[in-house]
Amino acid sequence: MNALLVSTKPATMQVWREELLALDPALDIRLHPESGPVEDITAAVTWNHPPEDLYRYPNLKLLISMGAGVDHLFRPPGPPPGVAVVRLVDRLLTTAMSEYVLLAVLRHHRQDAGYRALQARREWEELPAPDTEATRIGVMGLGNLGADAARKLAALNFQVAGWSRTPKQLDGIETFAGADGLMPFLARTDILVCLLPLTPETEGIINARTLAGLPHGAYVINAARGAHVVEEDLLAALDSGQVSGATLDVFRTEPLPREHRFWTHPNVILTPHAASITIPRSVAPQVIDNLARLREGRPLANVVDVSVGY
C-alpha cells in the first residue's frame, strides 16, 4: 500500500487533504496521528512533525517539507537514513517573503516610527529626507527567497549586496561569500536582512560580534529562523544604540513568551512567524508531482542536500 502521511497543525490538515485529493482522487491520505498500519506509509508531507516518529514507518521513502525551510526535519535524530527530503519552491511563498522584507525595509527607511510618534504628539514636523541610493542593504542568504528580495530591493535603487555560504552571482548586486566575506559584507550594510537557511553553521550568526561589525545605528530584519539570532546580544545592541531597531518575524521560542522584552522594546516590531505562509492550493501540484516521480522512479524536484541541511 502506498499511502501519504500528512502532518501539520490540526486546523489545516483537512485543507491539505482536500487540495491534494482535488488533483489526485486516487491518493490514499492518512492524517497524523491516524496513520493506519505503519507499513503503508511511503511518503510524508509535514511541518514540525516529531522527527523520531518518522522512524516508525519502515517503507518511508520521501519526506516533503510544507515550506521552503527544512530545518524542522533535521532536528535530532534527523531524517531516517536513505529517505529523500524535498522542499517547496513556490511563487506565492517567494512573493510573500519579498513583500514582507520590502515592507520592513521601507517602513524603516521612510521613518514610519518617527512619523507615528509625531502623530501621537500632534506635531507637524518634516523629518530629513532619506537617500535611497545611498542606503546600503545586505541580504544574508541568496537562495530563492533571498535572491528575489535582493532583486526587488535593487529595483527600488537601494545599494544591495548579498552574502552566502558559497559564491553566488546576481546581476547588479554585489556578492560576498564564506567566512572571509562576512565581516566586509556587514561593514557596508545599513539594513541587514536575514533569509538564511538554518544549519549548525548559521545558528547564532547574528550575535555580538556580527552586530558590532555593522555600522553604528544599523537596522536588523530577521524573517528566516529565530535561532539565527542570539537574542540577548541583539537586545544589548538595541539598548546601546549600535542597532537602531529591528523587525523580527521569528524567535527561538515560539510562541514568543509573554514576558520577553521584544514585546515591549520601543525599537522592535514583531510579527508571529507570518512573513510567508504556505498556501496548500498553490503548492499541492508540487507535492503531486514529486509523488508521481517517486512512483515512476524519476528524479525528484527540489531535493535537499542532507549533508548541508538545505
C-alpha atoms as a PDB file:
ATOM      1  CA  MET A   1       0.000   0.000   0.000  1.00  0.00           C
ATOM      2  CA  ASN A   2       1.371   3.453  -0.995  1.00  0.00           C
ATOM      3  CA  ALA A   3      -0.080   5.925   1.498  1.00  0.00           C
ATOM      4  CA  LEU A   4       0.788   9.575   2.122  1.00  0.00           C
ATOM      5  CA  LEU A   5       1.041  10.846   5.682  1.00  0.00           C
ATOM      6  CA  VAL A   6       0.011  14.488   6.195  1.00  0.00           C
ATOM      7  CA  SER A   7       1.120  16.112   9.451  1.00  0.00           C
ATOM      8  CA  THR A   8       0.748  19.775  10.397  1.00  0.00           C
ATOM      9  CA  LYS A   9      -1.492  21.933  12.575  1.00  0.00           C
ATOM     10  CA  PRO A  10      -4.860  20.191  13.066  1.00  0.00           C
ATOM     11  CA  ALA A  11      -6.710  23.239  11.743  1.00  0.00           C
ATOM     12  CA  THR A  12      -5.099  22.937   8.300  1.00  0.00           C
ATOM     13  CA  MET A  13      -4.630  19.177   7.782  1.00  0.00           C
ATOM     14  CA  GLN A  14      -8.072  18.749   6.265  1.00  0.00           C
ATOM     15  CA  VAL A  15      -7.378  21.614   3.840  1.00  0.00           C
ATOM     16  CA  TRP A  16      -4.217  19.860   2.697  1.00  0.00           C
ATOM     17  CA  ARG A  17      -6.170  16.647   2.220  1.00  0.00           C
ATOM     18  CA  GLU A  18      -8.840  18.344   0.114  1.00  0.00           C
ATOM     19  CA  GLU A  19      -6.358  20.172  -2.121  1.00  0.00           C
ATOM     20  CA  LEU A  20      -4.294  17.037  -2.762  1.00  0.00           C
ATOM     21  CA  LEU A  21      -7.359  14.881  -3.488  1.00  0.00           C
ATOM     22  CA  ALA A  22      -8.676  17.520  -5.880  1.00  0.00           C
ATOM     23  CA  LEU A  23      -5.604  16.855  -8.031  1.00  0.00           C
ATOM     24  CA  ASP A  24      -5.374  13.096  -7.497  1.00  0.00           C
ATOM     25  CA  PRO A  25      -8.555  11.484  -6.129  1.00  0.00           C
ATOM     26  CA  ALA A  26      -6.829   8.106  -6.000  1.00  0.00           C
ATOM     27  CA  LEU A  27      -4.396   9.205  -3.280  1.00  0.00           C
ATOM     28  CA  ASP A  28      -4.510   7.288  -0.012  1.00  0.00           C
ATOM     29  CA  ILE A  29      -4.035  10.087   2.528  1.00  0.00           C
ATOM     30  CA  ARG A  30      -3.601   9.495   6.245  1.00  0.00           C
ATOM     31  CA  LEU A  31      -3.851  12.418   8.667  1.00  0.00           C
ATOM     32  CA  HIS A  32      -1.461  12.205  11.608  1.00  0.00           C
ATOM     33  CA  PRO A  33      -1.809  10.624  14.126  1.00  0.00           C
ATOM     34  CA  GLU A  34      -4.285   8.312  12.348  1.00  0.00           C
ATOM     35  CA  SER A  35      -1.680   6.761  10.062  1.00  0.00           C
ATOM     36  CA  GLY A  36      -3.117   3.267   9.964  1.00  0.00           C
ATOM     37  CA  PRO A  37      -0.644   0.400   9.528  1.00  0.00           C
ATOM     38  CA  VAL A  38       2.835   1.933   9.587  1.00  0.00           C
ATOM     39  CA  GLU A  39       3.903  -0.303   6.700  1.00  0.00           C
ATOM     40  CA  ASP A  40       1.506   1.558   4.378  1.00  0.00           C
ATOM     41  CA  ILE A  41       3.279   4.922   4.575  1.00  0.00           C
ATOM     42  CA  THR A  42       5.727   5.550   1.731  1.00  0.00           C
ATOM     43  CA  ALA A  43       5.758   9.379   1.742  1.00  0.00           C
ATOM     44  CA  ALA A  44       5.020  12.146   4.216  1.00  0.00           C
ATOM     45  CA  VAL A  45       4.309  15.858   3.819  1.00  0.00           C
ATOM     46  CA  THR A  46       4.942  17.523   7.166  1.00  0.00           C
ATOM     47  CA  TRP A  47       5.574  20.634   9.201  1.00  0.00           C
ATOM     48  CA  ASN A  48       7.025  20.338  12.707  1.00  0.00           C
ATOM     49  CA  HIS A  49       6.286  16.628  12.862  1.00  0.00           C
ATOM     50  CA  PRO A  50       8.114  14.843  15.714  1.00  0.00           C
ATOM     51  CA  PRO A  51      11.311  13.688  13.922  1.00  0.00           C
ATOM     52  CA  GLU A  52      11.622  10.476  15.927  1.00  0.00           C
ATOM     53  CA  ASP A  53       8.133   9.405  14.845  1.00  0.00           C
ATOM     54  CA  LEU A  54       9.280   9.146  11.224  1.00  0.00           C
ATOM     55  CA  TYR A  55      11.410   6.142  12.156  1.00  0.00           C
ATOM     56  CA  ARG A  56       8.207   4.147  12.776  1.00  0.00           C
ATOM     57  CA  TYR A  57       7.498   3.817   9.044  1.00  0.00           C
ATOM     58  CA  PRO A  58       9.694   1.073   7.548  1.00  0.00           C
ATOM     59  CA  ASN A  59       8.709   1.795   3.936  1.00  0.00           C
ATOM     60  CA  LEU A  60       9.065   5.589   4.079  1.00  0.00           C
ATOM     61  CA  LYS A  61      10.962   6.830   1.009  1.00  0.00           C
ATOM     62  CA  LEU A  62      10.151  10.543   0.740  1.00  0.00           C
ATOM     63  CA  LEU A  63       9.775  13.472   3.131  1.00  0.00           C
ATOM     64  CA  ILE A  64       8.226  16.682   1.784  1.00  0.00           C
ATOM     65  CA  SER A  65       8.559  19.849   3.838  1.00  0.00           C
ATOM     66  CA  MET A  66       5.441  22.016   3.823  1.00  0.00           C
ATOM     67  CA  GLY A  67       7.574  25.121   3.392  1.00  0.00           C
ATOM     68  CA  ALA A  68      10.782  26.467   1.918  1.00  0.00           C
ATOM     69  CA  GLY A  69      12.643  25.676   5.147  1.00  0.00           C
ATOM     70  CA  VAL A  70      13.596  22.151   6.136  1.00  0.00           C
ATOM     71  CA  ASP A  71      15.355  22.645   9.480  1.00  0.00           C
ATOM     72  CA  HIS A  72      12.352  21.128  11.293  1.00  0.00           C
ATOM     73  CA  LEU A  73      13.154  17.838   9.549  1.00  0.00           C
ATOM     74  CA  PHE A  74      16.788  17.920  10.654  1.00  0.00           C
ATOM     75  CA  ARG A  75      16.212  18.223  14.374  1.00  0.00           C
ATOM     76  CA  PRO A  76      17.692  15.159  16.151  1.00  0.00           C
ATOM     77  CA  PRO A  77      17.555  12.375  15.198  1.00  0.00           C
ATOM     78  CA  GLY A  78      17.107  13.838  11.695  1.00  0.00           C
ATOM     79  CA  PRO A  79      15.534  12.138   8.678  1.00  0.00           C
ATOM     80  CA  PRO A  80      15.658   8.330   8.599  1.00  0.00           C
ATOM     81  CA  PRO A  81      18.681   7.104   6.614  1.00  0.00           C
ATOM     82  CA  GLY A  82      18.020   6.690   2.916  1.00  0.00           C
ATOM     83  CA  VAL A  83      14.838   8.800   2.916  1.00  0.00           C
ATOM     84  CA  ALA A  84      14.855  11.604   0.331  1.00  0.00           C
ATOM     85  CA  VAL A  85      13.970  15.108   1.563  1.00  0.00           C
ATOM     86  CA  VAL A  86      12.447  17.765  -0.695  1.00  0.00           C
ATOM     87  CA  ARG A  87      11.245  21.294  -0.057  1.00  0.00           C
ATOM     88  CA  LEU A  88       8.696  23.567  -1.679  1.00  0.00           C
ATOM     89  CA  VAL A  89       9.696  26.290  -4.119  1.00  0.00           C
ATOM     90  CA  ASP A  90       6.565  28.323  -4.671  1.00  0.00           C
ATOM     91  CA  ARG A  91       5.890  31.647  -6.368  1.00  0.00           C
ATOM     92  CA  LEU A  92       3.432  32.756  -3.684  1.00  0.00           C
ATOM     93  CA  LEU A  93       5.824  31.841  -0.862  1.00  0.00           C
ATOM     94  CA  THR A  94       8.628  33.776  -2.544  1.00  0.00           C
ATOM     95  CA  THR A  95       6.429  36.773  -3.314  1.00  0.00           C
ATOM     96  CA  ALA A  96       5.073  36.926   0.221  1.00  0.00           C
ATOM     97  CA  MET A  97       8.559  36.882   1.716  1.00  0.00           C
ATOM     98  CA  SER A  98       9.745  39.658  -0.577  1.00  0.00           C
ATOM     99  CA  GLU A  99       6.654  41.696   0.318  1.00  0.00           C
ATOM    100  CA  TYR A 100       7.474  41.308   3.996  1.00  0.00           C
ATOM    101  CA  VAL A 101      11.096  42.337   3.507  1.00  0.00           C
ATOM    102  CA  LEU A 102      10.176  45.340   1.383  1.00  0.00           C
ATOM    103  CA  LEU A 103       7.567  46.408   3.932  1.00  0.00           C
ATOM    104  CA  ALA A 104      10.087  46.217   6.777  1.00  0.00           C
ATOM    105  CA  VAL A 105      12.802  47.998   4.808  1.00  0.00           C
ATOM    106  CA  LEU A 106      10.550  50.799   3.600  1.00  0.00           C
ATOM    107  CA  ARG A 107       8.878  51.267   6.976  1.00  0.00           C
ATOM    108  CA  HIS A 108      12.323  51.886   8.487  1.00  0.00           C
ATOM    109  CA  HIS A 109      13.750  53.780   5.522  1.00  0.00           C
ATOM    110  CA  ARG A 110      10.802  56.169   5.285  1.00  0.00           C
ATOM    111  CA  GLN A 111      10.916  56.817   9.060  1.00  0.00           C
ATOM    112  CA  ASP A 112       7.484  55.456   9.790  1.00  0.00           C
ATOM    113  CA  ALA A 113       8.173  55.126  13.526  1.00  0.00           C
ATOM    114  CA  GLY A 114       9.245  58.754  13.708  1.00  0.00           C
ATOM    115  CA  TYR A 115       6.153  59.990  11.934  1.00  0.00           C
ATOM    116  CA  ARG A 116       3.872  57.814  14.069  1.00  0.00           C
ATOM    117  CA  ALA A 117       5.470  59.341  17.181  1.00  0.00           C
ATOM    118  CA  LEU A 118       4.914  62.838  15.811  1.00  0.00           C
ATOM    119  CA  GLN A 119       1.300  61.992  15.042  1.00  0.00           C
ATOM    120  CA  ALA A 120       0.775  60.715  18.578  1.00  0.00           C
ATOM    121  CA  ARG A 121       2.034  64.096  19.870  1.00  0.00           C
ATOM    122  CA  ARG A 122       0.039  66.015  17.216  1.00  0.00           C
ATOM    123  CA  GLU A 123       3.235  67.635  15.987  1.00  0.00           C
ATOM    124  CA  TRP A 124       3.541  68.787  12.370  1.00  0.00           C
ATOM    125  CA  GLU A 125       7.208  68.261  11.553  1.00  0.00           C
ATOM    126  CA  GLU A 126       9.082  67.161   8.452  1.00  0.00           C
ATOM    127  CA  LEU A 127      11.904  64.710   9.119  1.00  0.00           C
ATOM    128  CA  PRO A 128      15.093  64.757   6.994  1.00  0.00           C
ATOM    129  CA  ALA A 129      14.500  63.100   3.635  1.00  0.00           C
ATOM    130  CA  PRO A 130      16.092  59.646   3.308  1.00  0.00           C
ATOM    131  CA  ASP A 131      18.521  58.983   0.432  1.00  0.00           C
ATOM    132  CA  THR A 132      17.588  55.679  -1.167  1.00  0.00           C
ATOM    133  CA  GLU A 133      20.593  55.442  -3.468  1.00  0.00           C
ATOM    134  CA  ALA A 134      22.946  55.942  -0.509  1.00  0.00           C
ATOM    135  CA  THR A 135      21.239  53.328   1.681  1.00  0.00           C
ATOM    136  CA  ARG A 136      23.087  50.009   1.748  1.00  0.00           C
ATOM    137  CA  ILE A 137      21.065  46.843   2.268  1.00  0.00           C
ATOM    138  CA  GLY A 138      22.672  43.475   2.919  1.00  0.00           C
ATOM    139  CA  VAL A 139      20.765  40.237   2.375  1.00  0.00           C
ATOM    140  CA  MET A 140      22.102  37.156   4.154  1.00  0.00           C
ATOM    141  CA  GLY A 141      21.125  34.083   2.150  1.00  0.00           C
ATOM    142  CA  LEU A 142      20.827  34.104  -1.632  1.00  0.00           C
ATOM    143  CA  GLY A 143      18.573  31.131  -2.262  1.00  0.00           C
ATOM    144  CA  ASN A 144      15.185  31.539  -3.932  1.00  0.00           C
ATOM    145  CA  LEU A 145      13.830  33.804  -1.201  1.00  0.00           C
ATOM    146  CA  GLY A 146      16.919  35.911  -0.649  1.00  0.00           C
ATOM    147  CA  ALA A 147      17.704  36.384  -4.329  1.00  0.00           C
ATOM    148  CA  ASP A 148      14.148  37.512  -5.084  1.00  0.00           C
ATOM    149  CA  ALA A 149      14.139  40.007  -2.209  1.00  0.00           C
ATOM    150  CA  ALA A 150      17.570  41.316  -3.215  1.00  0.00           C
ATOM    151  CA  ARG A 151      16.483  41.895  -6.816  1.00  0.00           C
ATOM    152  CA  LYS A 152      13.305  43.702  -5.770  1.00  0.00           C
ATOM    153  CA  LEU A 153      15.206  45.936  -3.358  1.00  0.00           C
ATOM    154  CA  ALA A 154      17.742  46.737  -6.080  1.00  0.00           C
ATOM    155  CA  ALA A 155      14.864  47.665  -8.396  1.00  0.00           C
ATOM    156  CA  LEU A 156      13.998  50.410  -5.894  1.00  0.00           C
ATOM    157  CA  ASN A 157      17.539  51.784  -6.299  1.00  0.00           C
ATOM    158  CA  PHE A 158      18.924  50.704  -2.935  1.00  0.00           C
ATOM    159  CA  GLN A 159      22.564  49.640  -2.856  1.00  0.00           C
ATOM    160  CA  VAL A 160      22.067  45.901  -2.374  1.00  0.00           C
ATOM    161  CA  ALA A 161      24.645  43.256  -1.524  1.00  0.00           C
ATOM    162  CA  GLY A 162      24.260  39.618  -0.644  1.00  0.00           C
ATOM    163  CA  TRP A 163      26.163  37.098   1.454  1.00  0.00           C
ATOM    164  CA  SER A 164      26.016  33.319   1.114  1.00  0.00           C
ATOM    165  CA  ARG A 165      27.945  30.249   2.203  1.00  0.00           C
ATOM    166  CA  THR A 166      29.273  29.653  -1.298  1.00  0.00           C
ATOM    167  CA  PRO A 167      29.830  32.233  -4.074  1.00  0.00           C
ATOM    168  CA  LYS A 168      26.749  33.384  -5.991  1.00  0.00           C
ATOM    169  CA  GLN A 169      26.345  35.806  -8.883  1.00  0.00           C
ATOM    170  CA  LEU A 170      23.361  38.171  -9.209  1.00  0.00           C
ATOM    171  CA  ASP A 171      23.196  40.866 -11.858  1.00  0.00           C
ATOM    172  CA  GLY A 172      23.539  44.332 -10.357  1.00  0.00           C
ATOM    173  CA  ILE A 173      24.111  43.031  -6.828  1.00  0.00           C
ATOM    174  CA  GLU A 174      27.474  42.855  -5.085  1.00  0.00           C
ATOM    175  CA  THR A 175      28.038  39.448  -3.534  1.00  0.00           C
ATOM    176  CA  PHE A 176      30.179  38.156  -0.685  1.00  0.00           C
ATOM    177  CA  ALA A 177      30.725  34.566   0.386  1.00  0.00           C
ATOM    178  CA  GLY A 178      32.065  32.417   3.183  1.00  0.00           C
ATOM    179  CA  ALA A 179      33.725  33.293   6.461  1.00  0.00           C
ATOM    180  CA  ASP A 180      36.174  35.674   4.790  1.00  0.00           C
ATOM    181  CA  GLY A 181      33.382  37.679   3.203  1.00  0.00           C
ATOM    182  CA  LEU A 182      31.109  38.043   6.212  1.00  0.00           C
ATOM    183  CA  MET A 183      32.684  40.970   8.052  1.00  0.00           C
ATOM    184  CA  PRO A 184      33.327  43.054   4.878  1.00  0.00           C
ATOM    185  CA  PHE A 185      29.683  42.412   3.937  1.00  0.00           C
ATOM    186  CA  LEU A 186      28.458  43.591   7.345  1.00  0.00           C
ATOM    187  CA  ALA A 187      30.688  46.676   7.323  1.00  0.00           C
ATOM    188  CA  ARG A 188      28.876  48.040   4.238  1.00  0.00           C
ATOM    189  CA  THR A 189      25.342  47.181   5.456  1.00  0.00           C
ATOM    190  CA  ASP A 190      22.957  49.789   6.887  1.00  0.00           C
ATOM    191  CA  ILE A 191      19.942  47.451   6.842  1.00  0.00           C
ATOM    192  CA  LEU A 192      20.631  43.750   7.436  1.00  0.00           C
ATOM    193  CA  VAL A 193      18.089  41.209   6.151  1.00  0.00           C
ATOM    194  CA  CYS A 194      18.446  37.575   7.259  1.00  0.00           C
ATOM    195  CA  LEU A 195      16.923  34.970   4.926  1.00  0.00           C
ATOM    196  CA  LEU A 196      19.429  32.188   5.581  1.00  0.00           C
ATOM    197  CA  PRO A 197      18.611  28.514   5.929  1.00  0.00           C
ATOM    198  CA  LEU A 198      19.103  27.311   9.491  1.00  0.00           C
ATOM    199  CA  THR A 199      22.054  24.944   9.786  1.00  0.00           C
ATOM    200  CA  PRO A 200      24.621  24.289  12.536  1.00  0.00           C
ATOM    201  CA  GLU A 201      26.881  26.813  10.764  1.00  0.00           C
ATOM    202  CA  THR A 202      24.260  29.600  10.653  1.00  0.00           C
ATOM    203  CA  GLU A 203      22.743  29.132  14.108  1.00  0.00           C
ATOM    204  CA  GLY A 204      23.512  32.225  16.198  1.00  0.00           C
ATOM    205  CA  ILE A 205      25.134  34.023  13.266  1.00  0.00           C
ATOM    206  CA  ILE A 206      23.572  37.328  14.356  1.00  0.00           C
ATOM    207  CA  ASN A 207      25.491  37.785  17.585  1.00  0.00           C
ATOM    208  CA  ALA A 208      27.553  40.342  19.495  1.00  0.00           C
ATOM    209  CA  ARG A 209      30.482  40.059  17.061  1.00  0.00           C
ATOM    210  CA  THR A 210      28.477  40.354  13.861  1.00  0.00           C
ATOM    211  CA  LEU A 211      26.229  43.097  15.234  1.00  0.00           C
ATOM    212  CA  ALA A 212      29.351  45.070  16.209  1.00  0.00           C
ATOM    213  CA  GLY A 213      30.543  44.650  12.615  1.00  0.00           C
ATOM    214  CA  LEU A 214      27.585  46.652  11.302  1.00  0.00           C
ATOM    215  CA  PRO A 215      27.779  50.456  11.014  1.00  0.00           C
ATOM    216  CA  HIS A 216      26.550  52.184  14.165  1.00  0.00           C
ATOM    217  CA  GLY A 217      22.778  52.586  14.040  1.00  0.00           C
ATOM    218  CA  ALA A 218      22.139  49.792  11.530  1.00  0.00           C
ATOM    219  CA  TYR A 219      18.742  48.122  11.321  1.00  0.00           C
ATOM    220  CA  VAL A 220      18.101  44.349  11.514  1.00  0.00           C
ATOM    221  CA  ILE A 221      15.341  42.320   9.836  1.00  0.00           C
ATOM    222  CA  ASN A 222      15.037  38.595  10.539  1.00  0.00           C
ATOM    223  CA  ALA A 223      12.413  36.591   8.664  1.00  0.00           C
ATOM    224  CA  ALA A 224      14.362  33.318   8.461  1.00  0.00           C
ATOM    225  CA  ARG A 225      14.583  31.399  11.752  1.00  0.00           C
ATOM    226  CA  GLY A 226      14.710  32.605  15.347  1.00  0.00           C
ATOM    227  CA  ALA A 227      17.813  30.532  16.092  1.00  0.00           C
ATOM    228  CA  HIS A 228      19.847  32.722  13.735  1.00  0.00           C
ATOM    229  CA  VAL A 229      19.778  35.424  16.419  1.00  0.00           C
ATOM    230  CA  VAL A 230      21.407  35.425  19.832  1.00  0.00           C
ATOM    231  CA  GLU A 231      18.535  37.349  21.364  1.00  0.00           C
ATOM    232  CA  GLU A 232      20.449  38.669  24.391  1.00  0.00           C
ATOM    233  CA  ASP A 233      23.112  40.095  22.060  1.00  0.00           C
ATOM    234  CA  LEU A 234      20.517  41.799  19.867  1.00  0.00           C
ATOM    235  CA  LEU A 235      18.822  43.332  22.900  1.00  0.00           C
ATOM    236  CA  ALA A 236      22.184  44.638  24.152  1.00  0.00           C
ATOM    237  CA  ALA A 237      22.893  46.140  20.720  1.00  0.00           C
ATOM    238  CA  LEU A 238      19.454  47.768  20.670  1.00  0.00           C
ATOM    239  CA  ASP A 239      19.919  49.185  24.155  1.00  0.00           C
ATOM    240  CA  SER A 240      23.352  50.620  23.308  1.00  0.00           C
ATOM    241  CA  GLY A 241      22.214  52.136  20.000  1.00  0.00           C
ATOM    242  CA  GLN A 242      24.610  50.020  17.933  1.00  0.00           C
ATOM    243  CA  VAL A 243      21.422  48.712  16.324  1.00  0.00           C
ATOM    244  CA  SER A 244      18.727  51.359  15.898  1.00  0.00           C
ATOM    245  CA  GLY A 245      15.851  48.925  15.558  1.00  0.00           C
ATOM    246  CA  ALA A 246      14.697  45.519  14.399  1.00  0.00           C
ATOM    247  CA  THR A 247      11.802  43.843  12.635  1.00  0.00           C
ATOM    248  CA  LEU A 248      11.508  40.227  13.778  1.00  0.00           C
ATOM    249  CA  ASP A 249       9.160  37.549  12.485  1.00  0.00           C
ATOM    250  CA  VAL A 250      10.827  34.510  14.066  1.00  0.00           C
ATOM    251  CA  PHE A 251      12.087  33.670  17.551  1.00  0.00           C
ATOM    252  CA  ARG A 252      13.991  30.977  19.411  1.00  0.00           C
ATOM    253  CA  THR A 253      10.860  30.103  21.377  1.00  0.00           C
ATOM    254  CA  GLU A 254       7.523  30.262  19.552  1.00  0.00           C
ATOM    255  CA  PRO A 255       5.022  31.475  20.513  1.00  0.00           C
ATOM    256  CA  LEU A 256       7.185  34.229  21.970  1.00  0.00           C
ATOM    257  CA  PRO A 257       6.835  34.155  25.792  1.00  0.00           C
ATOM    258  CA  ARG A 258       4.664  36.991  27.073  1.00  0.00           C
ATOM    259  CA  GLU A 259       7.433  38.183  29.390  1.00  0.00           C
ATOM    260  CA  HIS A 260      10.034  38.506  26.619  1.00  0.00           C
ATOM    261  CA  ARG A 261      11.472  42.018  26.206  1.00  0.00           C
ATOM    262  CA  PHE A 262      10.913  42.015  22.463  1.00  0.00           C
ATOM    263  CA  TRP A 263       7.190  42.548  23.095  1.00  0.00           C
ATOM    264  CA  THR A 264       7.726  45.917  24.758  1.00  0.00           C
ATOM    265  CA  HIS A 265      11.027  47.158  23.364  1.00  0.00           C
ATOM    266  CA  PRO A 266      10.332  50.545  21.763  1.00  0.00           C
ATOM    267  CA  ASN A 267      12.577  49.837  18.771  1.00  0.00           C
ATOM    268  CA  VAL A 268      11.308  46.350  17.914  1.00  0.00           C
ATOM    269  CA  ILE A 269       8.490  45.477  15.527  1.00  0.00           C
ATOM    270  CA  LEU A 270       7.443  41.842  15.726  1.00  0.00           C
ATOM    271  CA  THR A 271       5.103  39.549  13.846  1.00  0.00           C
ATOM    272  CA  PRO A 272       4.090  35.956  14.749  1.00  0.00           C
ATOM    273  CA  HIS A 273       6.084  33.927  12.172  1.00  0.00           C
ATOM    274  CA  ALA A 274       3.724  35.167   9.490  1.00  0.00           C
ATOM    275  CA  ALA A 275       6.065  36.651   6.864  1.00  0.00           C
ATOM    276  CA  SER A 276       5.389  33.917   4.320  1.00  0.00           C
ATOM    277  CA  ILE A 277       2.729  31.268   4.902  1.00  0.00           C
ATOM    278  CA  THR A 278       2.300  28.192   2.719  1.00  0.00           C
ATOM    279  CA  ILE A 279      -0.984  28.118   0.811  1.00  0.00           C
ATOM    280  CA  PRO A 280      -1.925  24.459   0.171  1.00  0.00           C
ATOM    281  CA  ARG A 281      -3.761  25.247  -3.069  1.00  0.00           C
ATOM    282  CA  SER A 282      -0.621  26.782  -4.534  1.00  0.00           C
ATOM    283  CA  VAL A 283       1.854  24.066  -3.566  1.00  0.00           C
ATOM    284  CA  ALA A 284      -0.305  20.928  -3.932  1.00  0.00           C
ATOM    285  CA  PRO A 285       0.745  20.439  -7.594  1.00  0.00           C
ATOM    286  CA  GLN A 286       4.394  20.188  -6.469  1.00  0.00           C
ATOM    287  CA  VAL A 287       3.518  17.521  -3.923  1.00  0.00           C
ATOM    288  CA  ILE A 288       1.552  15.540  -6.503  1.00  0.00           C
ATOM    289  CA  ASP A 289       4.405  15.858  -8.998  1.00  0.00           C
ATOM    290  CA  ASN A 290       7.012  14.527  -6.578  1.00  0.00           C
ATOM    291  CA  LEU A 291       4.752  11.644  -5.553  1.00  0.00           C
ATOM    292  CA  ALA A 292       4.439  10.698  -9.222  1.00  0.00           C
ATOM    293  CA  ARG A 293       8.198  10.968  -9.667  1.00  0.00           C
ATOM    294  CA  LEU A 294       8.679   8.673  -6.680  1.00  0.00           C
ATOM    295  CA  ARG A 295       6.264   6.061  -8.052  1.00  0.00           C
ATOM    296  CA  GLU A 296       7.826   6.156 -11.503  1.00  0.00           C
ATOM    297  CA  GLY A 297      11.443   6.177 -10.350  1.00  0.00           C
ATOM    298  CA  ARG A 298      12.165   9.601 -11.887  1.00  0.00           C
ATOM    299  CA  PRO A 299      14.441  12.232 -10.281  1.00  0.00           C
ATOM    300  CA  LEU A 300      12.702  14.227  -7.564  1.00  0.00           C
ATOM    301  CA  ALA A 301      12.306  18.025  -7.736  1.00  0.00           C
ATOM    302  CA  ASN A 302      13.784  20.457  -5.172  1.00  0.00           C
ATOM    303  CA  VAL A 303      15.821  17.814  -3.386  1.00  0.00           C
ATOM    304  CA  VAL A 304      17.593  18.886  -0.186  1.00  0.00           C
ATOM    305  CA  ASP A 305      21.284  18.090   0.242  1.00  0.00           C
ATOM    306  CA  VAL A 306      21.132  16.188   3.521  1.00  0.00           C
ATOM    307  CA  SER A 307      24.858  16.751   4.097  1.00  0.00           C
ATOM    308  CA  VAL A 308      24.409  20.549   4.371  1.00  0.00           C
ATOM    309  CA  GLY A 309      20.771  20.703   5.501  1.00  0.00           C
ATOM    310  CA  TYR A 310      19.203  22.737   2.672  1.00  0.00           C
END
